[in-house]
Amino acid sequence: MKILVGESPEASLDRWANVFDAALNNQEFRPYHGVGFESMTQFGEVFTPKRWELVAALKASGPLTIYALAKHLGRHYRNVHKDVTALINWLVIEKNDDGKVYVPWDEISVRCPLMQQAA
């Protein structure tokens, strides 16, 4: 999974449109698994240190119920449930048919190019 910080919404939509057009025209295309954030502030609101810890623990342990994950992390169920919901919404973790959550990625790459300010 790729996470890009600092990409404009227009650039994200262009990438999506290119893949969509290729699919509609039966052309070969490479799927893109990623999300974007306009700013580091927005990224930090979603990917808190506790959520990164949750992702790492879940990847190491394999699929767990939210209750088992909360117990494993030594955190309150309600807080873990809130974090899991946010991470599912951002496509970082998924829920299987058994209701267990898991990390489908072997790698999460975060890219934050330094923006050049106008003089």
PDB file of N, CA and C in Angstrom:
ATOM      1  N   MET A   1       0.839  -1.169   0.000  1.00  0.00           N
ATOM      2  CA  MET A   1       0.000   0.000   0.000  1.00  0.00           C
ATOM      3  C   MET A   1       0.886   1.235   0.000  1.00  0.00           C
ATOM      4  N   LYS A   2       0.454   2.235  -0.748  1.00  0.00           N
ATOM      5  CA  LYS A   2       1.207   3.486  -0.833  1.00  0.00           C
ATOM      6  C   LYS A   2       0.400   4.605  -0.207  1.00  0.00           C
ATOM      7  N   ILE A   3       1.072   5.398   0.606  1.00  0.00           N
ATOM      8  CA  ILE A   3       0.468   6.578   1.198  1.00  0.00           C
ATOM      9  C   ILE A   3       1.294   7.768   0.729  1.00  0.00           C
ATOM     10  N   LEU A   4       0.619   8.727   0.134  1.00  0.00           N
ATOM     11  CA  LEU A   4       1.299   9.908  -0.384  1.00  0.00           C
ATOM     12  C   LEU A   4       0.764  11.141   0.328  1.00  0.00           C
ATOM     13  N   VAL A   5       1.665  11.893   0.922  1.00  0.00           N
ATOM     14  CA  VAL A   5       1.303  13.123   1.617  1.00  0.00           C
ATOM     15  C   VAL A   5       1.700  14.298   0.735  1.00  0.00           C
ATOM     16  N   GLY A   6       0.786  15.224   0.544  1.00  0.00           N
ATOM     17  CA  GLY A   6       1.089  16.426  -0.220  1.00  0.00           C
ATOM     18  C   GLY A   6       0.634  16.385  -1.660  1.00  0.00           C
ATOM     19  N   GLU A   7      -0.136  15.384  -2.021  1.00  0.00           N
ATOM     20  CA  GLU A   7      -0.645  15.302  -3.385  1.00  0.00           C
ATOM     21  C   GLU A   7      -1.966  16.048  -3.480  1.00  0.00           C
ATOM     22  N   SER A   8      -2.141  16.790  -4.536  1.00  0.00           N
ATOM     23  CA  SER A   8      -3.392  17.526  -4.715  1.00  0.00           C
ATOM     24  C   SER A   8      -4.516  16.553  -5.043  1.00  0.00           C
ATOM     25  N   PRO A   9      -5.746  16.916  -4.687  1.00  0.00           N
ATOM     26  CA  PRO A   9      -6.880  16.059  -5.058  1.00  0.00           C
ATOM     27  C   PRO A   9      -6.978  15.868  -6.573  1.00  0.00           C
ATOM     28  N   GLU A  10      -6.587  16.887  -7.337  1.00  0.00           N
ATOM     29  CA  GLU A  10      -6.638  16.780  -8.800  1.00  0.00           C
ATOM     30  C   GLU A  10      -5.702  15.691  -9.313  1.00  0.00           C
ATOM     31  N   ALA A  11      -4.508  15.612  -8.739  1.00  0.00           N
ATOM     32  CA  ALA A  11      -3.549  14.589  -9.160  1.00  0.00           C
ATOM     33  C   ALA A  11      -4.067  13.189  -8.842  1.00  0.00           C
ATOM     34  N   SER A  12      -4.692  13.039  -7.687  1.00  0.00           N
ATOM     35  CA  SER A  12      -5.274  11.746  -7.319  1.00  0.00           C
ATOM     36  C   SER A  12      -6.389  11.363  -8.281  1.00  0.00           C
ATOM     37  N   LEU A  13      -7.235  12.330  -8.609  1.00  0.00           N
ATOM     38  CA  LEU A  13      -8.331  12.057  -9.541  1.00  0.00           C
ATOM     39  C   LEU A  13      -7.811  11.723 -10.936  1.00  0.00           C
ATOM     40  N   ASP A  14      -6.743  12.385 -11.372  1.00  0.00           N
ATOM     41  CA  ASP A  14      -6.146  12.068 -12.673  1.00  0.00           C
ATOM     42  C   ASP A  14      -5.641  10.631 -12.709  1.00  0.00           C
ATOM     43  N   ARG A  15      -4.975  10.194 -11.641  1.00  0.00           N
ATOM     44  CA  ARG A  15      -4.458   8.819 -11.593  1.00  0.00           C
ATOM     45  C   ARG A  15      -5.625   7.838 -11.654  1.00  0.00           C
ATOM     46  N   TRP A  16      -6.674   8.109 -10.884  1.00  0.00           N
ATOM     47  CA  TRP A  16      -7.846   7.242 -10.884  1.00  0.00           C
ATOM     48  C   TRP A  16      -8.485   7.219 -12.269  1.00  0.00           C
ATOM     49  N   ALA A  17      -8.616   8.369 -12.921  1.00  0.00           N
ATOM     50  CA  ALA A  17      -9.248   8.453 -14.244  1.00  0.00           C
ATOM     51  C   ALA A  17      -8.459   7.649 -15.270  1.00  0.00           C
ATOM     52  N   ASN A  18      -7.140   7.687 -15.196  1.00  0.00           N
ATOM     53  CA  ASN A  18      -6.309   6.931 -16.140  1.00  0.00           C
ATOM     54  C   ASN A  18      -6.536   5.426 -16.000  1.00  0.00           C
ATOM     55  N   VAL A  19      -6.597   4.950 -14.778  1.00  0.00           N
ATOM     56  CA  VAL A  19      -6.842   3.517 -14.545  1.00  0.00           C
ATOM     57  C   VAL A  19      -8.253   3.155 -14.997  1.00  0.00           C
ATOM     58  N   PHE A  20      -9.212   4.004 -14.679  1.00  0.00           N
ATOM     59  CA  PHE A  20     -10.605   3.750 -15.056  1.00  0.00           C
ATOM     60  C   PHE A  20     -10.751   3.701 -16.571  1.00  0.00           C
ATOM     61  N   ASP A  21     -10.133   4.653 -17.285  1.00  0.00           N
ATOM     62  CA  ASP A  21     -10.195   4.670 -18.752  1.00  0.00           C
ATOM     63  C   ASP A  21      -9.578   3.414 -19.349  1.00  0.00           C
ATOM     64  N   ALA A  22      -8.442   3.003 -18.806  1.00  0.00           N
ATOM     65  CA  ALA A  22      -7.786   1.794 -19.308  1.00  0.00           C
ATOM     66  C   ALA A  22      -8.687   0.577 -19.103  1.00  0.00           C
ATOM     67  N   ALA A  23      -9.326   0.492 -17.945  1.00  0.00           N
ATOM     68  CA  ALA A  23     -10.219  -0.642 -17.673  1.00  0.00           C
ATOM     69  C   ALA A  23     -11.419  -0.630 -18.613  1.00  0.00           C
ATOM     70  N   LEU A  24     -11.989   0.549 -18.847  1.00  0.00           N
ATOM     71  CA  LEU A  24     -13.140   0.648 -19.754  1.00  0.00           C
ATOM     72  C   LEU A  24     -12.791   0.264 -21.185  1.00  0.00           C
ATOM     73  N   ASN A  25     -11.557   0.542 -21.580  1.00  0.00           N
ATOM     74  CA  ASN A  25     -11.116   0.259 -22.947  1.00  0.00           C
ATOM     75  C   ASN A  25     -10.412  -1.085 -23.066  1.00  0.00           C
ATOM     76  N   ASN A  26     -10.587  -1.936 -22.061  1.00  0.00           N
ATOM     77  CA  ASN A  26      -9.972  -3.268 -22.046  1.00  0.00           C
ATOM     78  C   ASN A  26      -8.470  -3.224 -22.275  1.00  0.00           C
ATOM     79  N   GLN A  27      -7.837  -2.183 -21.795  1.00  0.00           N
ATOM     80  CA  GLN A  27      -6.384  -2.075 -21.872  1.00  0.00           C
ATOM     81  C   GLN A  27      -5.776  -2.591 -20.571  1.00  0.00           C
ATOM     82  N   GLU A  28      -4.558  -3.052 -20.689  1.00  0.00           N
ATOM     83  CA  GLU A  28      -3.867  -3.530 -19.499  1.00  0.00           C
ATOM     84  C   GLU A  28      -3.533  -2.336 -18.612  1.00  0.00           C
ATOM     85  N   PHE A  29      -3.711  -2.517 -17.333  1.00  0.00           N
ATOM     86  CA  PHE A  29      -3.376  -1.447 -16.385  1.00  0.00           C
ATOM     87  C   PHE A  29      -2.862  -2.066 -15.101  1.00  0.00           C
ATOM     88  N   ARG A  30      -2.153  -1.257 -14.381  1.00  0.00           N
ATOM     89  CA  ARG A  30      -1.592  -1.688 -13.109  1.00  0.00           C
ATOM     90  C   ARG A  30      -2.440  -1.106 -11.984  1.00  0.00           C
ATOM     91  N   PRO A  31      -3.052  -1.950 -11.165  1.00  0.00           N
ATOM     92  CA  PRO A  31      -3.871  -1.412 -10.079  1.00  0.00           C
ATOM     93  C   PRO A  31      -3.018  -0.585  -9.118  1.00  0.00           C
ATOM     94  N   TYR A  32      -3.613   0.426  -8.566  1.00  0.00           N
ATOM     95  CA  TYR A  32      -2.922   1.284  -7.611  1.00  0.00           C
ATOM     96  C   TYR A  32      -3.605   1.132  -6.262  1.00  0.00           C
ATOM     97  N   HIS A  33      -2.849   0.712  -5.278  1.00  0.00           N
ATOM     98  CA  HIS A  33      -3.374   0.552  -3.928  1.00  0.00           C
ATOM     99  C   HIS A  33      -2.760   1.637  -3.065  1.00  0.00           C
ATOM    100  N   GLY A  34      -3.501   2.702  -2.876  1.00  0.00           N
ATOM    101  CA  GLY A  34      -2.951   3.779  -2.085  1.00  0.00           C
ATOM    102  C   GLY A  34      -3.984   4.810  -1.707  1.00  0.00           C
ATOM    103  N   VAL A  35      -3.578   5.654  -0.788  1.00  0.00           N
ATOM    104  CA  VAL A  35      -4.397   6.771  -0.346  1.00  0.00           C
ATOM    105  C   VAL A  35      -3.516   8.007  -0.292  1.00  0.00           C
ATOM    106  N   GLY A  36      -4.151   9.148  -0.358  1.00  0.00           N
ATOM    107  CA  GLY A  36      -3.406  10.389  -0.323  1.00  0.00           C
ATOM    108  C   GLY A  36      -3.936  11.343   0.727  1.00  0.00           C
ATOM    109  N   PHE A  37      -3.056  12.176   1.199  1.00  0.00           N
ATOM    110  CA  PHE A  37      -3.388  13.209   2.166  1.00  0.00           C
ATOM    111  C   PHE A  37      -2.856  14.526   1.641  1.00  0.00           C
ATOM    112  N   GLU A  38      -3.644  15.569   1.812  1.00  0.00           N
ATOM    113  CA  GLU A  38      -3.211  16.885   1.338  1.00  0.00           C
ATOM    114  C   GLU A  38      -2.087  17.460   2.174  1.00  0.00           C
ATOM    115  N   SER A  39      -2.040  17.112   3.455  1.00  0.00           N
ATOM    116  CA  SER A  39      -1.024  17.704   4.335  1.00  0.00           C
ATOM    117  C   SER A  39      -0.545  16.691   5.365  1.00  0.00           C
ATOM    118  N   MET A  40       0.594  17.008   5.966  1.00  0.00           N
ATOM    119  CA  MET A  40       1.121  16.170   7.029  1.00  0.00           C
ATOM    120  C   MET A  40       0.198  16.229   8.257  1.00  0.00           C
ATOM    121  N   THR A  41      -0.471  17.346   8.444  1.00  0.00           N
ATOM    122  CA  THR A  41      -1.422  17.479   9.547  1.00  0.00           C
ATOM    123  C   THR A  41      -2.559  16.479   9.383  1.00  0.00           C
ATOM    124  N   GLN A  42      -3.117  16.401   8.185  1.00  0.00           N
ATOM    125  CA  GLN A  42      -4.197  15.459   7.923  1.00  0.00           C
ATOM    126  C   GLN A  42      -3.699  14.025   8.103  1.00  0.00           C
ATOM    127  N   PHE A  43      -2.527  13.732   7.594  1.00  0.00           N
ATOM    128  CA  PHE A  43      -1.931  12.400   7.754  1.00  0.00           C
ATOM    129  C   PHE A  43      -1.786  12.052   9.240  1.00  0.00           C
ATOM    130  N   GLY A  44      -1.276  12.997  10.028  1.00  0.00           N
ATOM    131  CA  GLY A  44      -1.057  12.756  11.454  1.00  0.00           C
ATOM    132  C   GLY A  44      -2.334  12.554  12.240  1.00  0.00           C
ATOM    133  N   GLU A  45      -3.425  13.135  11.781  1.00  0.00           N
ATOM    134  CA  GLU A  45      -4.715  12.936  12.447  1.00  0.00           C
ATOM    135  C   GLU A  45      -5.226  11.513  12.240  1.00  0.00           C
ATOM    136  N   VAL A  46      -4.900  10.916  11.115  1.00  0.00           N
ATOM    137  CA  VAL A  46      -5.342   9.551  10.828  1.00  0.00           C
ATOM    138  C   VAL A  46      -4.352   8.535  11.387  1.00  0.00           C
ATOM    139  N   PHE A  47      -3.073   8.747  11.157  1.00  0.00           N
ATOM    140  CA  PHE A  47      -2.052   7.774  11.547  1.00  0.00           C
ATOM    141  C   PHE A  47      -1.339   8.227  12.817  1.00  0.00           C
ATOM    142  N   THR A  48      -2.052   8.061  13.913  1.00  0.00           N
ATOM    143  CA  THR A  48      -1.482   8.383  15.217  1.00  0.00           C
ATOM    144  C   THR A  48      -0.477   7.291  15.603  1.00  0.00           C
ATOM    145  N   PRO A  49       0.399   7.567  16.572  1.00  0.00           N
ATOM    146  CA  PRO A  49       1.319   6.508  17.022  1.00  0.00           C
ATOM    147  C   PRO A  49       0.596   5.247  17.497  1.00  0.00           C
ATOM    148  N   LYS A  50      -0.527   5.400  18.197  1.00  0.00           N
ATOM    149  CA  LYS A  50      -1.284   4.229  18.665  1.00  0.00           C
ATOM    150  C   LYS A  50      -1.821   3.410  17.493  1.00  0.00           C
ATOM    151  N   ARG A  51      -2.220   4.086  16.417  1.00  0.00           N
ATOM    152  CA  ARG A  51      -2.736   3.362  15.248  1.00  0.00           C
ATOM    153  C   ARG A  51      -1.620   2.637  14.516  1.00  0.00           C
ATOM    154  N   TRP A  52      -0.428   3.234  14.431  1.00  0.00           N
ATOM    155  CA  TRP A  52       0.707   2.528  13.833  1.00  0.00           C
ATOM    156  C   TRP A  52       1.051   1.294  14.671  1.00  0.00           C
ATOM    157  N   GLU A  53       0.998   1.444  15.987  1.00  0.00           N
ATOM    158  CA  GLU A  53       1.251   0.314  16.879  1.00  0.00           C
ATOM    159  C   GLU A  53       0.223  -0.791  16.644  1.00  0.00           C
ATOM    160  N   LEU A  54      -1.036  -0.401  16.473  1.00  0.00           N
ATOM    161  CA  LEU A  54      -2.101  -1.357  16.203  1.00  0.00           C
ATOM    162  C   LEU A  54      -1.837  -2.099  14.893  1.00  0.00           C
ATOM    163  N   VAL A  55      -1.475  -1.373  13.853  1.00  0.00           N
ATOM    164  CA  VAL A  55      -1.207  -1.993  12.549  1.00  0.00           C
ATOM    165  C   VAL A  55      -0.059  -2.998  12.663  1.00  0.00           C
ATOM    166  N   ALA A  56       1.017  -2.608  13.325  1.00  0.00           N
ATOM    167  CA  ALA A  56       2.178  -3.499  13.467  1.00  0.00           C
ATOM    168  C   ALA A  56       1.812  -4.754  14.266  1.00  0.00           C
ATOM    169  N   ALA A  57       1.079  -4.582  15.358  1.00  0.00           N
ATOM    170  CA  ALA A  57       0.689  -5.729  16.185  1.00  0.00           C
ATOM    171  C   ALA A  57      -0.253  -6.658  15.429  1.00  0.00           C
ATOM    172  N   LEU A  58      -1.178  -6.083  14.682  1.00  0.00           N
ATOM    173  CA  LEU A  58      -2.128  -6.890  13.924  1.00  0.00           C
ATOM    174  C   LEU A  58      -1.435  -7.649  12.804  1.00  0.00           C
ATOM    175  N   LYS A  59      -0.482  -7.020  12.135  1.00  0.00           N
ATOM    176  CA  LYS A  59       0.253  -7.718  11.072  1.00  0.00           C
ATOM    177  C   LYS A  59       1.055  -8.876  11.658  1.00  0.00           C
ATOM    178  N   ALA A  60       1.663  -8.651  12.814  1.00  0.00           N
ATOM    179  CA  ALA A  60       2.474  -9.698  13.444  1.00  0.00           C
ATOM    180  C   ALA A  60       1.629 -10.859  13.952  1.00  0.00           C
ATOM    181  N   SER A  61       0.435 -10.574  14.451  1.00  0.00           N
ATOM    182  CA  SER A  61      -0.386 -11.620  15.062  1.00  0.00           C
ATOM    183  C   SER A  61      -1.285 -12.347  14.074  1.00  0.00           C
ATOM    184  N   GLY A  62      -1.634 -11.684  12.982  1.00  0.00           N
ATOM    185  CA  GLY A  62      -2.608 -12.258  12.062  1.00  0.00           C
ATOM    186  C   GLY A  62      -4.009 -11.831  12.459  1.00  0.00           C
ATOM    187  N   PRO A  63      -5.033 -12.319  11.758  1.00  0.00           N
ATOM    188  CA  PRO A  63      -6.409 -11.879  12.005  1.00  0.00           C
ATOM    189  C   PRO A  63      -6.855 -12.096  13.452  1.00  0.00           C
ATOM    190  N   LEU A  64      -7.501 -11.063  13.996  1.00  0.00           N
ATOM    191  CA  LEU A  64      -8.017 -11.107  15.363  1.00  0.00           C
ATOM    192  C   LEU A  64      -9.379 -10.421  15.411  1.00  0.00           C
ATOM    193  N   THR A  65     -10.165 -10.773  16.406  1.00  0.00           N
ATOM    194  CA  THR A  65     -11.358  -9.978  16.676  1.00  0.00           C
ATOM    195  C   THR A  65     -10.896  -8.660  17.289  1.00  0.00           C
ATOM    196  N   ILE A  66     -11.745  -7.675  17.241  1.00  0.00           N
ATOM    197  CA  ILE A  66     -11.371  -6.389  17.845  1.00  0.00           C
ATOM    198  C   ILE A  66     -11.166  -6.564  19.350  1.00  0.00           C
ATOM    199  N   TYR A  67     -11.979  -7.378  19.962  1.00  0.00           N
ATOM    200  CA  TYR A  67     -11.821  -7.640  21.394  1.00  0.00           C
ATOM    201  C   TYR A  67     -10.453  -8.257  21.694  1.00  0.00           C
ATOM    202  N   ALA A  68     -10.080  -9.271  20.919  1.00  0.00           N
ATOM    203  CA  ALA A  68      -8.776  -9.931  21.129  1.00  0.00           C
ATOM    204  C   ALA A  68      -7.629  -8.956  20.846  1.00  0.00           C
ATOM    205  N   LEU A  69      -7.803  -8.106  19.849  1.00  0.00           N
ATOM    206  CA  LEU A  69      -6.774  -7.117  19.534  1.00  0.00           C
ATOM    207  C   LEU A  69      -6.623  -6.121  20.685  1.00  0.00           C
ATOM    208  N   ALA A  70      -7.732  -5.654  21.227  1.00  0.00           N
ATOM    209  CA  ALA A  70      -7.683  -4.724  22.363  1.00  0.00           C
ATOM    210  C   ALA A  70      -6.976  -5.370  23.553  1.00  0.00           C
ATOM    211  N   LYS A  71      -7.293  -6.628  23.819  1.00  0.00           N
ATOM    212  CA  LYS A  71      -6.654  -7.346  24.924  1.00  0.00           C
ATOM    213  C   LYS A  71      -5.153  -7.496  24.659  1.00  0.00           C
ATOM    214  N   HIS A  72      -4.807  -7.847  23.429  1.00  0.00           N
ATOM    215  CA  HIS A  72      -3.394  -8.007  23.036  1.00  0.00           C
ATOM    216  C   HIS A  72      -2.613  -6.698  23.215  1.00  0.00           C
ATOM    217  N   LEU A  73      -3.259  -5.581  22.879  1.00  0.00           N
ATOM    218  CA  LEU A  73      -2.608  -4.281  22.987  1.00  0.00           C
ATOM    219  C   LEU A  73      -2.670  -3.683  24.400  1.00  0.00           C
ATOM    220  N   GLY A  74      -3.514  -4.263  25.254  1.00  0.00           N
ATOM    221  CA  GLY A  74      -3.692  -3.721  26.589  1.00  0.00           C
ATOM    222  C   GLY A  74      -4.417  -2.381  26.574  1.00  0.00           C
ATOM    223  N   ARG A  75      -5.352  -2.238  25.636  1.00  0.00           N
ATOM    224  CA  ARG A  75      -6.097  -0.989  25.477  1.00  0.00           C
ATOM    225  C   ARG A  75      -7.587  -1.246  25.652  1.00  0.00           C
ATOM    226  N   HIS A  76      -8.350  -0.204  25.892  1.00  0.00           N
ATOM    227  CA  HIS A  76      -9.798  -0.322  26.016  1.00  0.00           C
ATOM    228  C   HIS A  76     -10.413  -0.672  24.665  1.00  0.00           C
ATOM    229  N   TYR A  77     -11.409  -1.552  24.709  1.00  0.00           N
ATOM    230  CA  TYR A  77     -12.090  -2.000  23.501  1.00  0.00           C
ATOM    231  C   TYR A  77     -12.613  -0.825  22.686  1.00  0.00           C
ATOM    232  N   ARG A  78     -13.261   0.129  23.350  1.00  0.00           N
ATOM    233  CA  ARG A  78     -13.883   1.261  22.649  1.00  0.00           C
ATOM    234  C   ARG A  78     -12.849   2.049  21.836  1.00  0.00           C
ATOM    235  N   ASN A  79     -11.672   2.272  22.396  1.00  0.00           N
ATOM    236  CA  ASN A  79     -10.623   3.017  21.687  1.00  0.00           C
ATOM    237  C   ASN A  79     -10.065   2.220  20.515  1.00  0.00           C
ATOM    238  N   VAL A  80      -9.879   0.932  20.709  1.00  0.00           N
ATOM    239  CA  VAL A  80      -9.383   0.077  19.628  1.00  0.00           C
ATOM    240  C   VAL A  80     -10.426  -0.011  18.522  1.00  0.00           C
ATOM    241  N   HIS A  81     -11.693  -0.132  18.874  1.00  0.00           N
ATOM    242  CA  HIS A  81     -12.761  -0.179  17.874  1.00  0.00           C
ATOM    243  C   HIS A  81     -12.766   1.097  17.039  1.00  0.00           C
ATOM    244  N   LYS A  82     -12.615   2.245  17.686  1.00  0.00           N
ATOM    245  CA  LYS A  82     -12.563   3.528  16.974  1.00  0.00           C
ATOM    246  C   LYS A  82     -11.368   3.567  16.007  1.00  0.00           C
ATOM    247  N   ASP A  83     -10.215   3.103  16.470  1.00  0.00           N
ATOM    248  CA  ASP A  83      -9.023   3.083  15.610  1.00  0.00           C
ATOM    249  C   ASP A  83      -9.186   2.116  14.448  1.00  0.00           C
ATOM    250  N   VAL A  84      -9.739   0.942  14.724  1.00  0.00           N
ATOM    251  CA  VAL A  84      -9.962  -0.046  13.670  1.00  0.00           C
ATOM    252  C   VAL A  84     -10.908   0.510  12.612  1.00  0.00           C
ATOM    253  N   THR A  85     -11.971   1.155  13.040  1.00  0.00           N
ATOM    254  CA  THR A  85     -12.930   1.737  12.102  1.00  0.00           C
ATOM    255  C   THR A  85     -12.256   2.771  11.208  1.00  0.00           C
ATOM    256  N   ALA A  86     -11.453   3.632  11.794  1.00  0.00           N
ATOM    257  CA  ALA A  86     -10.743   4.643  11.005  1.00  0.00           C
ATOM    258  C   ALA A  86      -9.791   3.985  10.009  1.00  0.00           C
ATOM    259  N   LEU A  87      -9.056   2.986  10.442  1.00  0.00           N
ATOM    260  CA  LEU A  87      -8.085   2.328   9.558  1.00  0.00           C
ATOM    261  C   LEU A  87      -8.774   1.516   8.460  1.00  0.00           C
ATOM    262  N   ILE A  88      -9.942   0.982   8.732  1.00  0.00           N
ATOM    263  CA  ILE A  88     -10.712   0.318   7.677  1.00  0.00           C
ATOM    264  C   ILE A  88     -11.160   1.357   6.661  1.00  0.00           C
ATOM    265  N   ASN A  89     -11.634   2.500   7.131  1.00  0.00           N
ATOM    266  CA  ASN A  89     -12.072   3.568   6.226  1.00  0.00           C
ATOM    267  C   ASN A  89     -10.944   4.062   5.336  1.00  0.00           C
ATOM    268  N   TRP A  90      -9.711   4.026   5.829  1.00  0.00           N
ATOM    269  CA  TRP A  90      -8.552   4.470   5.042  1.00  0.00           C
ATOM    270  C   TRP A  90      -7.873   3.305   4.317  1.00  0.00           C
ATOM    271  N   LEU A  91      -8.521   2.117   4.309  1.00  0.00           N
ATOM    272  CA  LEU A  91      -8.078   0.944   3.533  1.00  0.00           C
ATOM    273  C   LEU A  91      -6.785   0.315   4.033  1.00  0.00           C
ATOM    274  N   VAL A  92      -6.414   0.579   5.269  1.00  0.00           N
ATOM    275  CA  VAL A  92      -5.173   0.038   5.814  1.00  0.00           C
ATOM    276  C   VAL A  92      -5.386  -1.361   6.363  1.00  0.00           C
ATOM    277  N   ILE A  93      -6.542  -1.595   6.968  1.00  0.00           N
ATOM    278  CA  ILE A  93      -6.869  -2.929   7.442  1.00  0.00           C
ATOM    279  C   ILE A  93      -8.226  -3.319   6.857  1.00  0.00           C
ATOM    280  N   GLU A  94      -8.511  -4.616   6.900  1.00  0.00           N
ATOM    281  CA  GLU A  94      -9.769  -5.135   6.374  1.00  0.00           C
ATOM    282  C   GLU A  94     -10.365  -6.101   7.379  1.00  0.00           C
ATOM    283  N   LYS A  95     -11.636  -6.409   7.185  1.00  0.00           N
ATOM    284  CA  LYS A  95     -12.336  -7.372   8.033  1.00  0.00           C
ATOM    285  C   LYS A  95     -12.705  -8.569   7.169  1.00  0.00           C
ATOM    286  N   ASN A  96     -12.418  -9.774   7.670  1.00  0.00           N
ATOM    287  CA  ASN A  96     -12.743 -10.975   6.893  1.00  0.00           C
ATOM    288  C   ASN A  96     -14.165 -11.451   7.202  1.00  0.00           C
ATOM    289  N   ASP A  97     -14.572 -12.536   6.570  1.00  0.00           N
ATOM    290  CA  ASP A  97     -15.935 -13.055   6.726  1.00  0.00           C
ATOM    291  C   ASP A  97     -16.226 -13.527   8.148  1.00  0.00           C
ATOM    292  N   ASP A  98     -15.178 -13.852   8.902  1.00  0.00           N
ATOM    293  CA  ASP A  98     -15.345 -14.289  10.291  1.00  0.00           C
ATOM    294  C   ASP A  98     -15.440 -13.111  11.260  1.00  0.00           C
ATOM    295  N   GLY A  99     -15.358 -11.891  10.724  1.00  0.00           N
ATOM    296  CA  GLY A  99     -15.424 -10.709  11.582  1.00  0.00           C
ATOM    297  C   GLY A  99     -14.102 -10.325  12.204  1.00  0.00           C
ATOM    298  N   LYS A 100     -13.043 -10.989  11.771  1.00  0.00           N
ATOM    299  CA  LYS A 100     -11.719 -10.652  12.295  1.00  0.00           C
ATOM    300  C   LYS A 100     -11.068  -9.609  11.402  1.00  0.00           C
ATOM    301  N   VAL A 101     -10.269  -8.752  12.012  1.00  0.00           N
ATOM    302  CA  VAL A 101      -9.569  -7.721  11.252  1.00  0.00           C
ATOM    303  C   VAL A 101      -8.134  -8.171  11.000  1.00  0.00           C
ATOM    304  N   TYR A 102      -7.586  -7.693   9.883  1.00  0.00           N
ATOM    305  CA  TYR A 102      -6.231  -8.070   9.502  1.00  0.00           C
ATOM    306  C   TYR A 102      -5.627  -6.990   8.604  1.00  0.00           C
ATOM    307  N   VAL A 103      -4.312  -7.051   8.465  1.00  0.00           N
ATOM    308  CA  VAL A 103      -3.591  -6.139   7.578  1.00  0.00           C
ATOM    309  C   VAL A 103      -3.289  -6.900   6.293  1.00  0.00           C
ATOM    310  N   PRO A 104      -3.870  -6.486   5.156  1.00  0.00           N
ATOM    311  CA  PRO A 104      -3.667  -7.237   3.914  1.00  0.00           C
ATOM    312  C   PRO A 104      -2.344  -6.914   3.211  1.00  0.00           C
ATOM    313  N   TRP A 105      -1.589  -5.968   3.724  1.00  0.00           N
ATOM    314  CA  TRP A 105      -0.376  -5.503   3.050  1.00  0.00           C
ATOM    315  C   TRP A 105       0.870  -6.082   3.684  1.00  0.00           C
ATOM    316  N   ASP A 106       1.873  -6.362   2.862  1.00  0.00           N
ATOM    317  CA  ASP A 106       3.179  -6.755   3.372  1.00  0.00           C
ATOM    318  C   ASP A 106       4.036  -5.526   3.642  1.00  0.00           C
ATOM    319  N   GLU A 107       3.665  -4.430   3.018  1.00  0.00           N
ATOM    320  CA  GLU A 107       4.434  -3.197   3.177  1.00  0.00           C
ATOM    321  C   GLU A 107       3.503  -2.003   3.034  1.00  0.00           C
ATOM    322  N   ILE A 108       3.722  -1.000   3.857  1.00  0.00           N
ATOM    323  CA  ILE A 108       3.030   0.271   3.728  1.00  0.00           C
ATOM    324  C   ILE A 108       4.111   1.315   3.538  1.00  0.00           C
ATOM    325  N   SER A 109       4.082   1.942   2.391  1.00  0.00           N
ATOM    326  CA  SER A 109       5.096   2.925   2.030  1.00  0.00           C
ATOM    327  C   SER A 109       4.501   4.324   2.149  1.00  0.00           C
ATOM    328  N   VAL A 110       5.152   5.172   2.951  1.00  0.00           N
ATOM    329  CA  VAL A 110       4.693   6.547   3.127  1.00  0.00           C
ATOM    330  C   VAL A 110       5.683   7.465   2.428  1.00  0.00           C
ATOM    331  N   ARG A 111       5.156   8.303   1.558  1.00  0.00           N
ATOM    332  CA  ARG A 111       6.007   9.234   0.801  1.00  0.00           C
ATOM    333  C   ARG A 111       5.515  10.655   1.051  1.00  0.00           C
ATOM    334  N   CYS A 112       6.439  11.506   1.412  1.00  0.00           N
ATOM    335  CA  CYS A 112       6.095  12.897   1.687  1.00  0.00           C
ATOM    336  C   CYS A 112       7.147  13.775   1.024  1.00  0.00           C
ATOM    337  N   PRO A 113       6.948  14.100  -0.256  1.00  0.00           N
ATOM    338  CA  PRO A 113       7.936  14.940  -0.928  1.00  0.00           C
ATOM    339  C   PRO A 113       7.940  16.338  -0.308  1.00  0.00           C
ATOM    340  N   LEU A 114       9.111  16.910  -0.258  1.00  0.00           N
ATOM    341  CA  LEU A 114       9.235  18.265   0.261  1.00  0.00           C
ATOM    342  C   LEU A 114       8.745  19.221  -0.799  1.00  0.00           C
ATOM    343  N   MET A 115       7.788  20.031  -0.443  1.00  0.00           N
ATOM    344  CA  MET A 115       7.214  20.984  -1.384  1.00  0.00           C
ATOM    345  C   MET A 115       8.132  22.187  -1.499  1.00  0.00           C
ATOM    346  N   GLN A 116       8.284  22.655  -2.713  1.00  0.00           N
ATOM    347  CA  GLN A 116       9.090  23.829  -2.933  1.00  0.00           C
ATOM    348  C   GLN A 116       8.181  25.051  -2.867  1.00  0.00           C
ATOM    349  N   GLN A 117       8.502  25.954  -1.964  1.00  0.00           N
ATOM    350  CA  GLN A 117       7.699  27.157  -1.787  1.00  0.00           C
ATOM    351  C   GLN A 117       8.034  28.171  -2.869  1.00  0.00           C
ATOM    352  N   ALA A 118       7.009  28.903  -3.321  1.00  0.00           N
ATOM    353  CA  ALA A 118       7.239  29.974  -4.296  1.00  0.00           C
ATOM    354  C   ALA A 118       8.014  31.101  -3.620  1.00  0.00           C
ATOM    355  N   ALA A 119       8.961  31.678  -4.354  1.00  0.00           N
ATOM    356  CA  ALA A 119       9.793  32.739  -3.772  1.00  0.00           C
ATOM    357  C   ALA A 119       9.065  34.059  -3.724  1.00  0.00           C
TER     358      ALA A 119
END
